[in-house]
Every structure is written in C-alpha cells, then in structure tokens.
C-alpha cells in the first residue's frame, strides 16, 4: 500500500517536534561547567581536524545560550589568518534572504530581531568558493549527517549556496548524536560531525 506523502510529512514533523523538546530539556539539564568543558573538547577536536587546518576561510555562528560555544574557533581562525564569516538573515518582500558575511571582529555582530547575533548589511557577502568550512549548530544530529535545528530551515536553505565546494561540519554535545532522525526531502546533510567524544564522517 502506498503511503500518503502528506501524512508521512505530518508524522515526520511531529517526530521532529518531540525530539526538539527532548533535546532542549537534556541541554537545559547540563550544568554550565560541564557545558563549558564539553565545548572546549569540541573546539579542540575541530581545531585538530584536517578540514579546519587546511581551510583558508571558515563560517561560524554566534552561539545562543546552551549551544556549543565556538568562540574559541573564531579566535584561532583570525590568529591563523583565516577569513571568518557569519550567517545573516535580511528581510525581503517574500520573507528573508540568507547567506554569510565576512566579519573582521566579533564586535561587528548585532542583534537584528531574530534572537541571534548576525553581521549587518554592507559587509562582504560570501559567494560560492569563498568558504572552505561551515561550522553548523544543531539540537540533534544523526550519523547520516542529517541534523535537527530549530525549525526555521536556515541551513537547509543556505548550505547549498556554498557547499560544495565548502564542507559542512556540525558541532554537538555527544548526547545530541542519535542513531537516526526523521529527514525530509529538503533536509541537507552535513559531511562531518564533531562532538566532545568523537569525530564522524557522515554515513561512515
């Protein structure tokens, strides 16, 4: 019997909502000292990766409360002479345009009404080939490379603009790594998963 695609999509979305709620609760329960220590281990794993060492440019994100703190990557990238980019969302007539802008200092990031710090308009925007490595947050990630974010679909919309040739790498606490996740046709998988316990090549 052929399943109704709309019904399958509805079931997948309900499953995603349940996983988001569970992961938010687990993350909330993580003590600040443990979160900091785990973030440091994740950053060390990332800094030691061949993809990061060879990258001439990297896209990061300004961590929200309870997310993996990757500000140490920003510090190292600038000290190593890498170009550093951050994601943006600009209002448009139909919703938002998305992408990454080059940022010379963290002080350039600002709150623009979407609960995360982002670069303002006017800074150089990345085109295909400008970013070698994109570091992505997640509420959960599967070994397949499919990740679960907050539901806005930002990275699903934006990663195809720079990857390939860029490589997408997700950072997550090890308890956020799941055996599998419900995935839709529009969900974009990452190539590398870095947790405080391991580094995985997606699908491997």
Protein backbone atom coordinates (compact mmCIF):
# COMPACT_ATOMS: atom_id res chain seq x y z
CA UNK A 1 0.00 0.00 0.00
CA UNK A 2 1.34 3.40 -0.98
CA UNK A 3 1.55 5.86 1.90
CA UNK A 4 0.08 9.35 1.64
CA UNK A 5 3.09 11.74 1.28
CA UNK A 6 1.27 14.45 3.23
CA UNK A 7 0.61 12.04 6.10
CA UNK A 8 4.24 10.92 6.11
CA UNK A 9 5.36 14.56 6.26
CA UNK A 10 3.00 15.27 9.15
CA UNK A 11 4.30 12.29 11.11
CA UNK A 12 7.89 13.38 10.47
CA UNK A 13 7.17 16.89 11.71
CA UNK A 14 5.53 15.58 14.88
CA UNK A 15 8.57 13.38 15.49
CA UNK A 16 10.89 16.36 14.97
CA UNK A 17 8.93 18.46 17.47
CA UNK A 18 9.17 15.68 20.06
CA UNK A 19 12.92 15.31 19.53
CA UNK A 20 13.43 19.07 19.76
CA UNK A 21 11.60 19.17 23.10
CA UNK A 22 13.64 16.25 24.46
CA UNK A 23 16.96 17.72 23.33
CA UNK A 24 16.13 21.14 24.73
CA UNK A 25 15.38 19.52 28.10
CA UNK A 26 18.60 17.48 28.08
CA UNK A 27 20.64 20.52 27.13
CA UNK A 28 18.97 22.60 29.83
CA UNK A 29 19.91 19.97 32.41
CA UNK A 30 23.61 20.17 31.52
CA UNK A 31 25.45 22.15 34.26
CA UNK A 32 27.27 25.28 33.00
CA UNK A 33 30.69 23.90 33.98
CA UNK A 34 30.03 20.69 32.06
CA UNK A 35 28.78 22.64 29.05
CA UNK A 36 31.94 24.73 29.06
CA UNK A 37 34.21 21.69 29.38
CA UNK A 38 32.38 19.84 26.61
CA UNK A 39 32.54 22.91 24.35
CA UNK A 40 36.30 23.11 24.88
CA UNK A 41 36.71 19.47 23.88
CA UNK A 42 34.59 20.00 20.78
CA UNK A 43 36.67 23.03 19.79
CA UNK A 44 39.89 21.06 20.26
CA UNK A 45 38.57 18.23 18.08
CA UNK A 46 37.56 20.75 15.43
CA UNK A 47 40.89 22.63 15.55
CA UNK A 48 42.75 19.33 15.12
CA UNK A 49 40.72 18.28 12.08
CA UNK A 50 42.36 18.24 8.66
CA UNK A 51 39.43 20.17 7.19
CA UNK A 52 39.93 23.06 9.60
CA UNK A 53 43.71 23.12 9.34
CA UNK A 54 43.60 23.30 5.53
CA UNK A 55 40.73 25.83 5.37
CA UNK A 56 41.55 29.34 4.20
CA UNK A 57 38.14 30.52 5.37
CA UNK A 58 35.54 29.37 7.87
CA UNK A 59 31.91 30.24 8.59
CA UNK A 60 30.94 30.17 12.26
CA UNK A 61 27.85 31.05 14.30
CA UNK A 62 27.38 33.22 17.37
CA UNK A 63 26.27 30.66 19.99
CA UNK A 64 22.98 31.21 21.75
CA UNK A 65 22.54 30.25 25.38
CA UNK A 66 23.08 26.50 25.93
CA UNK A 67 24.64 25.92 22.50
CA UNK A 68 28.18 24.67 21.92
CA UNK A 69 30.48 27.66 22.50
CA UNK A 70 32.65 28.01 19.39
CA UNK A 71 34.05 31.48 20.10
CA UNK A 72 37.48 29.90 20.60
CA UNK A 73 37.40 28.85 16.94
CA UNK A 74 36.92 32.50 15.96
CA UNK A 75 39.99 33.49 17.96
CA UNK A 76 42.15 30.74 16.44
CA UNK A 77 40.91 31.34 12.90
CA UNK A 78 41.84 35.02 12.99
CA UNK A 79 45.22 34.26 14.56
CA UNK A 80 45.82 31.74 11.75
CA UNK A 81 44.95 34.27 9.05
CA UNK A 82 41.70 32.63 8.00
CA UNK A 83 38.78 34.69 6.73
CA UNK A 84 35.80 34.41 9.10
CA UNK A 85 32.15 34.60 8.05
CA UNK A 86 28.87 34.61 9.99
CA UNK A 87 25.29 33.88 8.86
CA UNK A 88 22.72 36.59 8.22
CA UNK A 89 19.01 36.88 7.50
CA UNK A 90 17.85 40.01 5.68
CA UNK A 91 14.12 40.77 5.44
CA UNK A 92 12.71 40.65 1.91
CA UNK A 93 9.28 41.01 0.30
CA UNK A 94 8.74 37.26 0.43
CA UNK A 95 10.42 36.51 3.76
CA UNK A 96 14.21 36.54 4.15
CA UNK A 97 17.36 36.29 2.09
CA UNK A 98 20.15 34.31 3.72
CA UNK A 99 23.89 33.91 3.42
CA UNK A 100 27.22 34.57 5.11
CA UNK A 101 29.11 37.84 5.50
CA UNK A 102 32.78 38.33 6.29
CA UNK A 103 33.32 39.74 9.76
CA UNK A 104 36.58 41.34 10.88
CA UNK A 105 35.71 41.32 14.60
CA UNK A 106 33.01 39.85 16.81
CA UNK A 107 32.05 43.39 17.81
CA UNK A 108 30.54 43.81 14.33
CA UNK A 109 27.81 41.27 15.11
CA UNK A 110 24.50 42.68 16.29
CA UNK A 111 21.02 41.63 17.37
CA UNK A 112 18.69 42.29 14.43
CA UNK A 113 15.44 40.97 15.88
CA UNK A 114 15.89 37.23 15.34
CA UNK A 115 17.38 36.25 18.74
CA UNK A 116 20.89 35.63 17.44
CA UNK A 117 23.83 37.89 16.64
CA UNK A 118 24.49 38.41 12.94
CA UNK A 119 26.52 40.70 10.68
CA UNK A 120 24.82 43.87 9.43
CA UNK A 121 24.17 44.67 5.79
CA UNK A 122 27.09 46.21 3.98
CA UNK A 123 29.77 43.69 4.93
CA UNK A 124 31.22 41.48 2.16
CA UNK A 125 28.93 38.56 1.32
CA UNK A 126 30.33 35.12 0.54
CA UNK A 127 29.85 33.59 -2.87
CA UNK A 128 30.39 30.00 -3.93
CA UNK A 129 34.03 29.09 -3.36
CA UNK A 130 34.66 31.76 -0.71
CA UNK A 131 34.08 29.49 2.30
CA UNK A 132 36.03 26.28 2.80
CA UNK A 133 34.42 25.10 6.05
CA UNK A 134 30.97 25.87 7.50
CA UNK A 135 30.51 25.14 11.22
CA UNK A 136 26.84 24.46 11.95
CA UNK A 137 24.90 24.18 15.26
CA UNK A 138 22.20 21.58 15.94
CA UNK A 139 19.72 20.39 18.52
CA UNK A 140 20.36 16.83 17.32
CA UNK A 141 22.32 15.09 14.57
CA UNK A 142 22.31 11.58 13.13
CA UNK A 143 25.27 9.57 11.90
CA UNK A 144 23.89 10.07 8.37
CA UNK A 145 24.74 13.77 8.69
CA UNK A 146 21.13 14.89 8.89
CA UNK A 147 20.70 17.45 11.64
CA UNK A 148 17.77 18.89 13.52
CA UNK A 149 17.78 22.64 14.08
CA UNK A 150 15.20 24.99 15.50
CA UNK A 151 12.77 24.61 12.62
CA UNK A 152 13.47 27.75 10.57
CA UNK A 153 15.29 25.82 7.84
CA UNK A 154 18.10 28.40 7.68
CA UNK A 155 20.96 26.00 6.99
CA UNK A 156 18.88 23.80 4.69
CA UNK A 157 18.32 26.91 2.56
CA UNK A 158 21.83 28.35 2.82
CA UNK A 159 24.31 25.45 2.79
CA UNK A 160 23.65 24.56 -0.89
CA UNK A 161 24.86 28.07 -1.81
CA UNK A 162 28.37 27.35 -0.51
CA UNK A 163 28.66 23.55 -0.19
CA UNK A 164 30.20 22.24 -2.33
CA UNK A 165 32.98 23.20 -2.65
CA UNK A 166 32.75 24.12 1.05
CA UNK A 167 32.46 21.36 3.65
CA UNK A 168 29.69 21.48 6.27
CA UNK A 169 30.60 20.38 9.80
CA UNK A 170 28.13 20.15 12.67
CA UNK A 171 29.13 20.60 16.33
CA UNK A 172 27.03 18.97 19.04
CA UNK A 173 27.29 17.55 22.53
CA UNK A 174 27.66 13.79 22.36
CA UNK A 175 24.19 13.17 23.83
CA UNK A 176 22.78 15.05 20.83
CA UNK A 177 24.15 12.40 18.46
CA UNK A 178 21.31 9.97 17.63
CA UNK A 179 21.18 6.74 15.67
CA UNK A 180 18.75 8.30 13.20
CA UNK A 181 16.48 11.27 12.66
CA UNK A 182 13.35 11.79 10.57
CA UNK A 183 14.50 13.52 7.39
CA UNK A 184 12.54 15.28 4.68
CA UNK A 185 13.50 15.75 1.05
CA UNK A 186 14.60 19.36 1.72
CA UNK A 187 16.83 18.46 4.69
CA UNK A 188 20.52 19.00 3.84
CA UNK A 189 23.05 16.65 5.46
CA UNK A 190 26.48 17.74 6.69
CA UNK A 191 29.69 15.88 5.90
CA UNK A 192 31.37 15.86 9.33
CA UNK A 193 30.07 15.55 12.90
CA UNK A 194 32.18 16.74 15.85
CA UNK A 195 31.13 16.04 19.43
CA UNK A 196 33.01 16.16 22.69
CA UNK A 197 33.66 12.41 22.32
CA UNK A 198 34.21 11.72 18.62
CA UNK A 199 34.62 12.90 15.06
CA UNK A 200 32.50 11.15 12.42
CA UNK A 201 32.40 11.33 8.66
CA UNK A 202 28.69 11.30 7.83
CA UNK A 203 27.48 7.90 6.68
CA UNK A 204 30.75 6.26 7.66
